[in-house]
């Protein structure tokens, strides 16, 4: 069918011209003359003497490079801290409170907590003179801690004892006295000071918990609360409860122990109380399992007893009551009697 195409289309299917032949630019390998292999003994005089060989250049390994950078960074941080410590003066800050001995430090504050919310939570311990919440100078966001100055020092001590661990906006705050102007040589956390070791460095040197639950102040608070419960336990049992003291509704022991002390705690401990908690829990669990198995056995035995076979004597047939009328009234009537045989129900098959 191609031959019937017009000339302009046939020109598109025409074969191209062959590639012109060009001679090779160099001789082929088999046309070249090969030169044989020579020895290298003539080049021995060109080598240097072993005594003149320079020592090998030592290359820094990856571990050494990481250690060097870490050491340089630590030196830079230490030098920067020295400069900041030399310039740090807490008394020269214009935003500080007037009296450091009436100032309460509140940490771990929720970032959404406002100054008015802090005032409502802490003015229950006494009159508040000033509240200073710390914000970031660059972006203006809160840093999560504040300083509260009370009118009287006794109110600050009351808040220091009872407000620790109070939950504000879903976070438990931590309270402490101001130490920058009251403790000599005190440094904030950003200058290498502060309490706790949660931000010392990497995961190998940091501690996972703050450690505030184990200090002396927390133990003293726990002992005071236990003493208060023992003293007022009998009154609470007779009267159904005593009115709470000022600020006692917010107190919460940070101890992880669940045992409650009462007036009966003075009796001598029994053998079960002297045993460790884990052993008592394990023994109670085993007792409950044995008790559960015995209960299941009793249930199965009762079900088997209910399903025993019935005896013929135990079957009672329902007796119909007698009619109200007597049969003597119908003695003279003729009653149709059916034939005794039942042949009418069995037709004769011979006729078929």
Protein backbone atom coordinates (compact mmCIF):
# COMPACT_ATOMS: atom_id res chain seq x y z
CA UNK A 1 0.00 0.00 0.00
CA UNK A 2 2.98 2.29 0.38
CA UNK A 3 3.47 2.66 -3.37
CA UNK A 4 0.10 4.36 -3.66
CA UNK A 5 1.14 7.21 -1.36
CA UNK A 6 1.83 10.64 -2.87
CA UNK A 7 5.45 11.63 -3.54
CA UNK A 8 5.65 14.00 -0.61
CA UNK A 9 4.83 11.16 1.80
CA UNK A 10 7.03 8.63 0.01
CA UNK A 11 9.97 10.96 0.55
CA UNK A 12 9.52 10.48 4.30
CA UNK A 13 10.05 6.70 3.97
CA UNK A 14 13.15 6.95 1.76
CA UNK A 15 16.37 5.34 3.11
CA UNK A 16 19.18 7.54 4.34
CA UNK A 17 22.62 7.71 2.78
CA UNK A 18 25.19 5.22 4.14
CA UNK A 19 27.77 6.41 6.69
CA UNK A 20 30.98 7.41 4.91
CA UNK A 21 34.04 5.28 5.71
CA UNK A 22 36.93 6.93 7.52
CA UNK A 23 40.30 5.27 8.17
CA UNK A 24 41.26 4.65 11.86
CA UNK A 25 43.13 7.44 13.59
CA UNK A 26 45.72 5.07 15.09
CA UNK A 27 47.01 1.63 14.35
CA UNK A 28 45.10 -1.35 15.55
CA UNK A 29 46.57 -3.32 18.47
CA UNK A 30 47.65 -6.20 16.30
CA UNK A 31 49.40 -3.80 13.94
CA UNK A 32 51.56 -2.22 16.63
CA UNK A 33 55.00 -3.52 17.58
CA UNK A 34 55.04 -4.69 21.20
CA UNK A 35 58.08 -4.00 23.40
CA UNK A 36 59.05 -6.66 25.90
CA UNK A 37 59.00 -6.29 29.70
CA UNK A 38 62.12 -4.90 31.42
CA UNK A 39 63.31 -5.30 35.02
CA UNK A 40 63.02 -2.71 37.83
CA UNK A 41 66.52 -3.12 39.20
CA UNK A 42 67.57 0.12 37.56
CA UNK A 43 65.08 2.06 39.73
CA UNK A 44 66.42 0.87 43.12
CA UNK A 45 68.77 3.81 43.30
CA UNK A 46 65.81 6.19 43.12
CA UNK A 47 64.29 4.97 46.44
CA UNK A 48 65.03 6.91 49.66
CA UNK A 49 67.03 5.42 52.50
CA UNK A 50 64.98 3.99 55.42
CA UNK A 51 66.78 6.27 57.85
CA UNK A 52 65.57 9.31 55.92
CA UNK A 53 61.89 8.25 55.95
CA UNK A 54 59.75 10.83 57.84
CA UNK A 55 57.43 9.55 60.62
CA UNK A 56 53.84 8.78 59.59
CA UNK A 57 51.30 11.52 60.00
CA UNK A 58 48.82 10.73 62.82
CA UNK A 59 45.15 11.14 61.83
CA UNK A 60 42.50 12.12 64.42
CA UNK A 61 39.92 9.40 64.94
CA UNK A 62 36.19 9.95 65.14
CA UNK A 63 36.04 9.37 68.92
CA UNK A 64 38.93 11.78 69.50
CA UNK A 65 37.25 14.42 67.35
CA UNK A 66 33.99 14.12 69.31
CA UNK A 67 35.86 14.33 72.61
CA UNK A 68 37.84 17.37 71.46
CA UNK A 69 34.70 19.22 70.38
CA UNK A 70 32.97 18.38 73.64
CA UNK A 71 35.93 19.62 75.65
CA UNK A 72 36.13 22.85 73.64
CA UNK A 73 32.41 23.45 74.09
CA UNK A 74 32.66 22.83 77.84
CA UNK A 75 35.53 25.31 78.08
CA UNK A 76 33.53 27.93 76.19
CA UNK A 77 30.50 27.42 78.44
CA UNK A 78 32.65 27.62 81.57
CA UNK A 79 34.26 30.84 80.36
CA UNK A 80 30.86 32.33 79.53
CA UNK A 81 29.50 31.33 82.96
CA UNK A 82 32.43 32.98 84.69
CA UNK A 83 31.70 36.24 82.89
CA UNK A 84 27.96 36.07 83.70
CA UNK A 85 28.62 35.19 87.35
CA UNK A 86 30.93 38.19 87.67
CA UNK A 87 28.21 40.48 86.29
CA UNK A 88 25.26 38.89 88.13
CA UNK A 89 23.82 40.98 90.95
CA UNK A 90 20.29 40.03 92.12
CA UNK A 91 19.86 43.16 94.22
CA UNK A 92 20.33 45.44 91.20
CA UNK A 93 17.31 44.04 89.34
CA UNK A 94 14.60 46.75 89.27
CA UNK A 95 11.78 44.17 89.10
CA UNK A 96 12.66 42.33 92.32
CA UNK A 97 10.48 42.46 95.41
CA UNK A 98 11.16 44.80 98.29
CA UNK A 99 11.77 42.30 101.11
CA UNK A 100 13.39 38.94 100.19
CA UNK A 101 12.39 37.39 103.53
CA UNK A 102 8.70 37.87 102.68
CA UNK A 103 9.05 36.57 99.12
CA UNK A 104 7.90 33.11 98.04
CA UNK A 105 9.33 31.40 94.96
CA UNK A 106 6.79 29.40 92.91
CA UNK A 107 8.11 27.03 90.22
CA UNK A 108 6.58 24.56 87.74
CA UNK A 109 3.75 26.95 86.97
CA UNK A 110 1.56 26.22 83.98
CA UNK A 111 2.39 28.48 81.06
CA UNK A 112 -1.29 29.41 80.71
CA UNK A 113 -1.64 30.48 84.35
CA UNK A 114 -2.19 34.21 84.76
CA UNK A 115 -1.14 36.53 87.56
CA UNK A 116 -4.72 36.89 88.77
CA UNK A 117 -5.04 33.10 89.06
CA UNK A 118 -1.87 32.94 91.16
CA UNK A 119 -3.20 35.72 93.35
CA UNK A 120 -6.47 33.88 93.95
CA UNK A 121 -4.66 30.66 94.83
CA UNK A 122 -2.07 32.15 97.20
CA UNK A 123 -3.95 34.99 98.86
CA UNK A 124 -5.64 32.42 101.07
CA UNK A 125 -2.46 32.26 103.17
CA UNK A 126 -2.26 36.02 103.70
CA UNK A 127 -2.31 39.43 102.12
CA UNK A 128 -0.17 39.65 98.97
CA UNK A 129 1.82 42.78 98.28
CA UNK A 130 3.30 42.01 94.85
CA UNK A 131 3.47 39.20 92.28
CA UNK A 132 6.25 39.13 89.70
CA UNK A 133 5.95 36.56 86.90
CA UNK A 134 9.11 36.04 84.85
CA UNK A 135 8.85 36.25 81.05
CA UNK A 136 11.35 35.62 78.28
CA UNK A 137 12.95 38.84 77.07
CA UNK A 138 13.15 37.71 73.44
CA UNK A 139 9.69 36.30 72.69
CA UNK A 140 7.73 37.43 75.76
CA UNK A 141 6.60 33.92 76.71
CA UNK A 142 6.36 32.93 80.41
CA UNK A 143 9.26 30.99 81.92
CA UNK A 144 7.12 28.94 84.30
CA UNK A 145 8.01 30.50 87.67
CA UNK A 146 7.09 33.57 89.70
CA UNK A 147 7.86 35.48 92.91
CA UNK A 148 5.12 36.36 95.40
CA UNK A 149 5.74 38.95 98.12
CA UNK A 150 3.47 38.86 101.20
CA UNK A 151 2.68 41.66 103.61
CA UNK A 152 3.84 39.60 106.59
CA UNK A 153 6.58 37.03 106.90
CA UNK A 154 4.38 34.58 108.79
CA UNK A 155 2.05 34.40 105.78
CA UNK A 156 4.99 33.52 103.57
CA UNK A 157 6.00 30.72 105.95
CA UNK A 158 2.43 29.42 105.98
CA UNK A 159 2.36 29.29 102.18
CA UNK A 160 5.81 27.69 102.18
CA UNK A 161 4.57 24.85 104.39
CA UNK A 162 1.14 24.19 102.91
CA UNK A 163 1.19 25.31 99.25
CA UNK A 164 3.85 22.89 98.07
CA UNK A 165 2.29 20.39 95.69
CA UNK A 166 -0.88 22.39 95.09
CA UNK A 167 -2.39 21.75 91.66
CA UNK A 168 -2.98 24.92 89.63
CA UNK A 169 -4.35 24.60 86.10
CA UNK A 170 -3.50 20.92 86.00
CA UNK A 171 0.11 21.18 87.23
CA UNK A 172 1.51 20.73 90.72
CA UNK A 173 3.60 23.74 91.67
CA UNK A 174 6.72 23.74 93.81
CA UNK A 175 7.27 26.51 96.35
CA UNK A 176 10.45 27.64 98.04
CA UNK A 177 11.85 30.72 99.75
CA UNK A 178 13.85 33.25 97.77
CA UNK A 179 17.50 32.27 98.05
CA UNK A 180 19.20 34.72 95.69
CA UNK A 181 19.29 37.56 98.25
CA UNK A 182 19.06 35.49 101.42
CA UNK A 183 21.71 32.78 100.88
CA UNK A 184 25.31 33.85 100.40
CA UNK A 185 26.91 32.46 97.26
CA UNK A 186 23.62 31.29 95.80
CA UNK A 187 23.46 31.00 92.00
CA UNK A 188 20.43 30.38 89.77
CA UNK A 189 20.10 27.32 87.58
CA UNK A 190 21.23 29.12 84.43
CA UNK A 191 24.54 29.98 86.10
CA UNK A 192 25.26 26.47 87.32
CA UNK A 193 23.52 26.64 90.70
CA UNK A 194 20.06 25.75 91.91
CA UNK A 195 18.71 22.65 93.57
CA UNK A 196 18.44 19.24 91.97
CA UNK A 197 20.39 17.53 89.24
CA UNK A 198 17.91 17.17 86.39
CA UNK A 199 19.81 19.57 84.11
CA UNK A 200 23.46 18.86 84.74
CA UNK A 201 24.22 17.62 81.25
CA UNK A 202 23.49 14.47 79.31
CA UNK A 203 21.41 11.47 80.24
CA UNK A 204 24.40 9.80 81.91
CA UNK A 205 24.80 12.51 84.56
CA UNK A 206 21.22 13.78 84.95
CA UNK A 207 18.84 12.32 87.51
CA UNK A 208 15.35 11.42 86.35
CA UNK A 209 13.48 12.70 89.43
CA UNK A 210 13.74 16.05 91.12
CA UNK A 211 14.34 14.58 94.56
CA UNK A 212 12.06 17.00 96.39
CA UNK A 213 10.05 14.11 97.80
CA UNK A 214 13.00 12.88 99.90
CA UNK A 215 14.32 16.06 101.46
CA UNK A 216 14.06 16.91 105.12
CA UNK A 217 11.27 19.42 104.73
CA UNK A 218 9.00 16.89 103.04
CA UNK A 219 9.67 14.31 105.74
CA UNK A 220 8.91 16.88 108.44
CA UNK A 221 5.64 17.76 106.73
CA UNK A 222 4.66 14.12 106.53
CA UNK A 223 5.44 13.54 110.21
CA UNK A 224 3.39 16.61 111.18
CA UNK A 225 0.40 15.41 109.17
CA UNK A 226 0.60 11.95 110.68
CA UNK A 227 0.81 13.47 114.17
CA UNK A 228 -2.23 15.63 113.40
CA UNK A 229 -4.20 12.60 112.24
CA UNK A 230 -3.32 10.65 115.38
CA UNK A 231 -4.29 13.52 117.69
CA UNK A 232 -7.64 14.21 116.02
CA UNK A 233 -8.52 10.67 114.99
CA UNK A 234 -10.79 9.96 117.99
CA UNK A 235 -12.68 13.24 117.64
CA UNK A 236 -13.25 12.57 113.96
CA UNK A 237 -14.63 9.13 114.75
CA UNK A 238 -17.11 10.47 117.36
CA UNK A 239 -18.23 13.63 115.62
CA UNK A 240 -18.04 12.42 112.03
CA UNK A 241 -15.25 14.78 111.10
CA UNK A 242 -13.62 17.99 112.28
CA UNK A 243 -13.56 21.36 110.52
CA UNK A 244 -10.53 21.84 108.35
CA UNK A 245 -7.88 24.26 109.35
CA UNK A 246 -6.88 27.28 107.33
CA UNK A 247 -5.40 26.01 104.09
CA UNK A 248 -5.59 22.35 105.14
CA UNK A 249 -8.02 21.47 102.37
CA UNK A 250 -5.29 21.92 99.79
CA UNK A 251 -2.62 19.96 101.58
CA UNK A 252 -1.52 16.70 100.11
CA UNK A 253 1.22 14.43 101.30
CA UNK A 254 3.78 13.64 98.63
CA UNK A 255 4.64 10.37 100.29
CA UNK A 256 3.84 7.29 98.25
CA UNK A 257 2.72 5.28 101.28
CA UNK A 258 -0.99 4.39 101.31
CA UNK A 259 -1.25 3.35 104.95
CA UNK A 260 -3.36 5.61 107.13
CA UNK A 261 -2.50 6.18 110.74
CA UNK A 262 -5.25 6.52 113.38
CA UNK A 263 -5.66 6.28 117.10
CA UNK A 264 -5.54 2.49 116.87
CA UNK A 265 -2.06 2.59 115.31
CA UNK A 266 -0.47 2.60 118.78
CA UNK A 267 -1.31 -1.04 119.41
CA UNK A 268 1.52 -3.56 118.92
CA UNK A 269 1.87 -4.83 115.39
CA UNK A 270 0.75 -8.33 114.61
CA UNK A 271 2.67 -10.84 112.58
CA UNK A 272 0.83 -9.86 109.39
CA UNK A 273 1.67 -6.18 109.86
CA UNK A 274 5.33 -6.92 110.43
CA UNK A 275 5.60 -8.81 107.17
CA UNK A 276 6.64 -6.87 104.07
CA UNK A 277 3.97 -5.41 101.83
CA UNK A 278 4.84 -7.56 98.81
CA UNK A 279 4.58 -10.78 100.85
CA UNK A 280 1.20 -9.85 102.31
CA UNK A 281 -0.10 -8.92 98.86
CA UNK A 282 1.13 -12.21 97.41
CA UNK A 283 -0.38 -14.23 100.27
CA UNK A 284 -3.73 -12.43 100.03
CA UNK A 285 -3.81 -13.11 96.29
CA UNK A 286 -3.21 -16.84 96.84
CA UNK A 287 -5.91 -16.93 99.54
CA UNK A 288 -8.41 -15.25 97.27
CA UNK A 289 -7.67 -17.78 94.52
CA UNK A 290 -8.23 -20.70 96.89
CA UNK A 291 -11.43 -19.13 98.17
CA UNK A 292 -12.66 -18.64 94.60
CA UNK A 293 -11.91 -22.26 93.68
CA UNK A 294 -13.80 -23.56 96.75
CA UNK A 295 -16.79 -21.38 95.88
CA UNK A 296 -16.86 -22.76 92.32
CA UNK A 297 -16.75 -26.33 93.63
CA UNK A 298 -19.71 -25.69 95.92
CA UNK A 299 -21.72 -24.20 93.06
CA UNK A 300 -21.03 -27.19 90.81
CA UNK A 301 -22.02 -29.61 93.62
CA UNK A 302 -25.31 -27.80 94.19
CA UNK A 303 -26.09 -27.85 90.48
CA UNK A 304 -25.46 -31.61 90.33
CA UNK A 305 -27.76 -32.19 93.31
CA UNK A 306 -30.55 -30.32 91.59
CA UNK A 307 -30.24 -32.43 88.45
CA UNK A 308 -30.79 -35.86 90.17
CA UNK A 309 -33.18 -38.34 88.51
CA UNK A 310 -36.85 -38.30 89.43
CA UNK A 311 -38.40 -41.41 91.00
CA UNK A 312 -41.87 -42.74 89.99
CA UNK A 313 -43.16 -42.01 93.46
CA UNK A 314 -42.18 -38.39 93.04
CA UNK A 315 -44.46 -37.98 89.97
CA UNK A 316 -47.84 -36.58 90.95
CA UNK A 317 -50.75 -36.75 88.49
CA UNK A 318 -53.27 -33.98 88.55
CA UNK A 319 -56.63 -35.13 89.90
CA UNK A 320 -59.75 -33.59 88.37
CA UNK A 321 -62.36 -32.41 90.86
CA UNK A 322 -65.69 -34.24 91.10
CA UNK A 323 -68.70 -32.81 89.29
CA UNK A 324 -71.21 -30.84 91.21
CA UNK A 325 -74.12 -32.98 89.91
CA UNK A 326 -74.63 -36.69 90.67
CA UNK A 327 -75.16 -39.49 88.17
CA UNK A 328 -78.32 -40.68 89.93
CA UNK A 329 -80.43 -38.13 88.07
CA UNK A 330 -79.61 -39.78 84.70
CA UNK A 331 -80.19 -43.40 85.61
CA UNK A 332 -83.34 -43.69 83.50
CA UNK A 333 -81.84 -42.31 80.30
CA UNK A 334 -80.77 -44.52 77.44
CA UNK A 335 -77.21 -43.94 76.47
CA UNK A 336 -75.89 -45.22 73.19
CA UNK A 337 -73.24 -47.85 73.71
CA UNK A 338 -70.43 -48.24 71.23
CA UNK A 339 -69.55 -51.77 70.08
CA UNK A 340 -66.65 -53.19 72.00
CA UNK A 341 -64.69 -54.12 68.92
CA UNK A 342 -63.07 -51.56 66.77
CA UNK A 343 -63.66 -53.21 63.40
CA UNK A 344 -65.29 -50.09 62.08
CA UNK A 345 -61.96 -48.42 62.27
CA UNK A 346 -60.32 -51.34 60.44
CA UNK A 347 -62.10 -51.72 57.06
CA UNK A 348 -62.15 -55.09 55.33
CA UNK A 349 -59.35 -55.18 52.84
CA UNK A 350 -60.58 -58.33 51.04
CA UNK A 351 -63.05 -56.34 49.02
CA UNK A 352 -60.19 -54.55 47.40
